[in-house]
Protein backbone atom coordinates (compact mmCIF):
# COMPACT_ATOMS: atom_id res chain seq x y z
CA MET A 1 -9.34 26.78 -36.97
CA PRO A 2 -6.57 24.24 -36.37
CA GLU A 3 -7.74 20.65 -36.05
CA ASP A 4 -6.63 20.42 -32.41
CA ALA A 5 -7.93 23.81 -31.32
CA SER A 6 -10.66 24.14 -28.73
CA PRO A 7 -13.69 26.08 -29.99
CA ASP A 8 -14.69 29.24 -28.18
CA SER A 9 -17.50 28.72 -25.74
CA LEU A 10 -21.11 29.41 -26.59
CA SER A 11 -23.66 30.78 -24.20
CA PRO A 12 -24.68 28.16 -21.63
CA ASP A 13 -28.05 27.64 -23.28
CA SER A 14 -26.66 26.61 -26.69
CA LEU A 15 -25.86 22.95 -27.27
CA PRO A 16 -22.13 22.34 -26.55
CA ALA A 17 -19.58 20.53 -28.68
CA ARG A 18 -19.72 17.44 -26.48
CA TYR A 19 -23.40 16.93 -27.41
CA PHE A 20 -22.41 16.37 -31.04
CA ASP A 21 -19.25 14.44 -30.17
CA ASP A 22 -21.39 12.00 -28.20
CA MET A 23 -23.88 11.64 -31.06
CA TYR A 24 -21.22 10.83 -33.64
CA GLU A 25 -19.39 8.50 -31.26
CA VAL A 26 -22.51 6.34 -30.97
CA HIS A 27 -23.51 6.46 -34.65
CA GLN A 28 -21.63 7.55 -37.78
CA ASP A 29 -24.84 9.03 -39.21
CA PRO A 30 -27.01 9.86 -36.18
CA TRP A 31 -29.68 11.72 -38.18
CA ASN A 32 -29.75 9.21 -41.09
CA PHE A 33 -28.72 11.82 -43.66
CA GLU A 34 -27.49 9.09 -46.02
CA THR A 35 -30.58 6.89 -46.01
CA SER A 36 -33.65 8.92 -44.98
CA PRO A 37 -36.26 9.66 -47.68
CA TYR A 38 -37.22 12.70 -45.59
CA GLU A 39 -33.68 14.07 -45.84
CA ALA A 40 -33.41 13.33 -49.56
CA GLY A 41 -36.68 15.11 -50.26
CA LYS A 42 -35.70 18.07 -48.12
CA TYR A 43 -32.38 18.38 -49.98
CA ASP A 44 -34.28 18.29 -53.29
CA ARG A 45 -36.44 21.20 -52.16
CA THR A 46 -33.45 23.12 -50.76
CA LEU A 47 -31.55 22.97 -54.03
CA ALA A 48 -34.64 23.70 -56.12
CA ALA A 49 -35.33 26.86 -54.10
CA LEU A 50 -31.93 28.43 -54.85
CA PRO A 51 -32.50 31.09 -57.54
CA ASN A 52 -29.01 31.09 -59.06
CA GLY A 53 -27.69 28.27 -61.12
CA ARG A 54 -24.22 28.93 -59.75
CA TYR A 55 -22.70 30.72 -56.76
CA VAL A 56 -19.15 32.05 -56.61
CA SER A 57 -18.51 31.76 -52.87
CA ALA A 58 -20.84 29.76 -50.63
CA LEU A 59 -20.82 29.02 -46.91
CA GLU A 60 -22.56 25.96 -45.44
CA VAL A 61 -22.92 25.93 -41.65
CA GLY A 62 -23.36 22.56 -39.96
CA CYS A 63 -22.38 20.31 -42.86
CA SER A 64 -22.32 17.13 -40.74
CA ILE A 65 -21.11 14.18 -42.84
CA GLY A 66 -21.38 16.10 -46.10
CA VAL A 67 -24.45 14.61 -47.79
CA LEU A 68 -25.96 18.00 -48.70
CA THR A 69 -22.45 19.37 -49.28
CA ALA A 70 -21.83 16.88 -52.08
CA ARG A 71 -25.08 17.86 -53.78
CA LEU A 72 -24.52 21.60 -53.33
CA ALA A 73 -20.89 21.68 -54.48
CA PRO A 74 -21.51 21.39 -58.26
CA ARG A 75 -23.33 24.72 -58.11
CA CYS A 76 -20.48 26.52 -56.33
CA THR A 77 -17.15 27.83 -57.53
CA GLN A 78 -15.98 27.73 -53.91
CA LEU A 79 -17.80 26.16 -50.98
CA LEU A 80 -16.67 26.47 -47.37
CA SER A 81 -18.45 23.89 -45.18
CA LEU A 82 -18.27 24.05 -41.39
CA ASP A 83 -19.08 21.72 -38.55
CA LEU A 84 -18.33 21.45 -34.85
CA SER A 85 -17.67 17.70 -34.85
CA GLN A 86 -14.31 16.44 -36.06
CA ARG A 87 -15.77 12.96 -36.62
CA ALA A 88 -18.43 14.41 -38.91
CA LEU A 89 -15.87 16.49 -40.80
CA ASP A 90 -13.65 13.47 -41.40
CA ARG A 91 -16.53 11.66 -43.07
CA ALA A 92 -17.54 14.76 -45.03
CA ARG A 93 -13.99 15.17 -46.37
CA ALA A 94 -13.93 11.56 -47.49
CA ARG A 95 -17.32 11.91 -49.20
CA CYS A 96 -16.27 15.07 -51.03
CA ALA A 97 -12.67 14.09 -51.82
CA SER A 98 -13.34 14.40 -55.57
CA LEU A 99 -14.74 17.94 -55.22
CA PRO A 100 -11.76 20.34 -55.15
CA GLN A 101 -13.95 23.42 -54.75
CA VAL A 102 -15.02 22.29 -51.27
CA ARG A 103 -13.05 23.25 -48.16
CA PHE A 104 -13.92 22.03 -44.65
CA GLU A 105 -13.19 23.73 -41.33
CA ARG A 106 -14.05 22.95 -37.74
CA ARG A 107 -15.59 26.07 -36.22
CA GLN A 108 -18.03 26.85 -33.44
CA MET A 109 -20.59 29.33 -34.60
CA PRO A 110 -21.27 32.16 -34.16
CA ALA A 111 -18.10 32.84 -32.12
CA GLU A 112 -15.82 31.64 -34.90
CA PHE A 113 -17.64 33.01 -37.92
CA PRO A 114 -15.18 32.81 -40.84
CA PRO A 115 -13.82 35.89 -42.56
CA GLY A 116 -14.82 36.75 -46.09
CA ARG A 117 -17.97 37.60 -48.01
CA PHE A 118 -20.35 35.10 -49.58
CA ASP A 119 -23.09 35.14 -52.18
CA LEU A 120 -24.79 32.11 -50.58
CA LEU A 121 -25.26 31.03 -46.96
CA VAL A 122 -26.84 27.65 -46.26
CA LEU A 123 -28.24 27.22 -42.75
CA SER A 124 -29.85 23.80 -42.74
CA GLU A 125 -30.91 22.13 -39.48
CA VAL A 126 -28.48 24.13 -37.36
CA LEU A 127 -29.92 27.34 -35.89
CA TYR A 128 -32.20 25.70 -33.31
CA TYR A 129 -29.10 24.44 -31.49
CA LEU A 130 -28.36 28.05 -30.49
CA SER A 131 -29.71 30.06 -27.59
CA PRO A 132 -31.70 33.18 -28.50
CA ALA A 133 -28.64 35.34 -27.74
CA ASP A 134 -26.32 33.23 -29.87
CA LEU A 135 -28.93 33.10 -32.63
CA GLN A 136 -29.08 36.90 -32.77
CA LEU A 137 -25.29 37.11 -33.01
CA MET A 138 -25.33 34.42 -35.70
CA LEU A 139 -27.88 36.35 -37.73
CA GLU A 140 -25.96 39.63 -37.39
CA ARG A 141 -22.76 37.98 -38.60
CA SER A 142 -24.55 36.12 -41.38
CA VAL A 143 -26.11 39.30 -42.75
CA GLY A 144 -22.76 41.06 -42.48
CA ALA A 145 -21.05 38.28 -44.45
CA LEU A 146 -23.58 38.26 -47.30
CA LEU A 147 -22.68 40.15 -50.45
CA PRO A 148 -25.31 42.56 -51.80
CA ALA A 149 -28.10 40.51 -53.40
CA GLY A 150 -26.57 37.37 -51.89
CA HIS A 151 -28.90 34.59 -50.79
CA LEU A 152 -29.45 32.97 -47.41
CA ILE A 153 -31.47 29.77 -47.30
CA ALA A 154 -32.67 28.32 -44.00
CA VAL A 155 -34.31 24.90 -43.58
CA HIS A 156 -35.32 23.49 -40.20
CA TRP A 157 -37.36 20.72 -38.59
CA THR A 158 -40.40 22.32 -36.95
CA PRO A 159 -41.59 19.90 -34.21
CA ALA A 160 -40.13 20.64 -30.78
CA VAL A 161 -37.14 18.54 -29.67
CA HIS A 162 -36.56 18.49 -25.92
CA ASP A 163 -32.76 18.80 -26.26
CA TYR A 164 -32.86 21.84 -28.53
CA PRO A 165 -32.95 25.39 -27.13
CA GLN A 166 -35.37 26.56 -29.85
CA THR A 167 -37.79 25.26 -32.47
CA GLY A 168 -37.53 25.69 -36.20
CA ASP A 169 -40.44 28.12 -36.13
CA GLN A 170 -38.70 30.27 -33.53
CA VAL A 171 -35.50 30.55 -35.53
CA HIS A 172 -37.38 31.32 -38.75
CA ALA A 173 -39.37 34.02 -36.96
CA ALA A 174 -36.04 35.57 -35.94
CA LEU A 175 -34.81 35.37 -39.54
CA LEU A 176 -37.96 37.05 -40.82
CA ALA A 177 -37.38 39.89 -38.35
CA ALA A 178 -33.65 40.27 -39.04
CA PRO A 179 -32.57 43.65 -40.43
CA GLY A 180 -30.86 43.51 -43.79
CA LEU A 181 -32.70 40.46 -45.13
CA LYS A 182 -35.50 40.50 -47.68
CA HIS A 183 -37.76 37.46 -47.66
CA LEU A 184 -38.07 36.04 -51.17
CA TYR A 185 -39.79 32.69 -50.77
CA GLY A 186 -41.07 30.21 -48.21
CA GLU A 187 -42.39 26.69 -47.98
CA ARG A 188 -43.98 24.86 -45.06
CA HIS A 189 -44.03 21.08 -45.13
CA GLU A 190 -45.41 18.62 -42.60
CA GLN A 191 -42.22 18.48 -40.53
CA TYR A 192 -39.98 21.28 -41.78
CA ARG A 193 -39.99 24.75 -43.23
CA LEU A 194 -37.81 26.47 -45.79
CA ASP A 195 -37.26 30.20 -46.22
CA LEU A 196 -35.12 32.00 -48.77
CA PHE A 197 -33.76 35.50 -48.17
CA GLU A 198 -31.76 38.08 -50.11
CA ARG A 199 -29.31 40.61 -48.69
CA SER A 200 -31.12 43.91 -49.08
């Protein structure tokens, strides 16, 4: 999507673009991705759970300022990383400037799901921002974009957050029920859960 384009609208119950614009206007790293031991440990577990040493074409949804992106990129021939916030994308591009396999785009998901097929989808701390209707559309498009035997990894904070339309447990329950995905592996930690799926 062009840098100055306006994203398509989500359902009214999903968090809008202005929510994230406001967060990044107040703080360059509003969720402390750069400094939080919780985030670093969660990224360690996310990368360790991926079965393949290398992926040809990966899609990361909700890359924020690119901390996980930079760690994921060495295992990808091509990595397309998306976010809704231009401020976040600017910082992510700067962080990953030395990683030519990474491409960034501003898109609002699921309405602007990118074309192409992928052997890895990374959905980390993003699905609970969507209404149940938008989540179902997101899952349908994600499954459709996965190559046969491709992997989808989802990692989400589980405690309820009053701003978010859903909890991590709710979105993972939807993933577990999604047609076309085979559950390979799961972990539950004190404040987050991780589930790995394969395109069946």
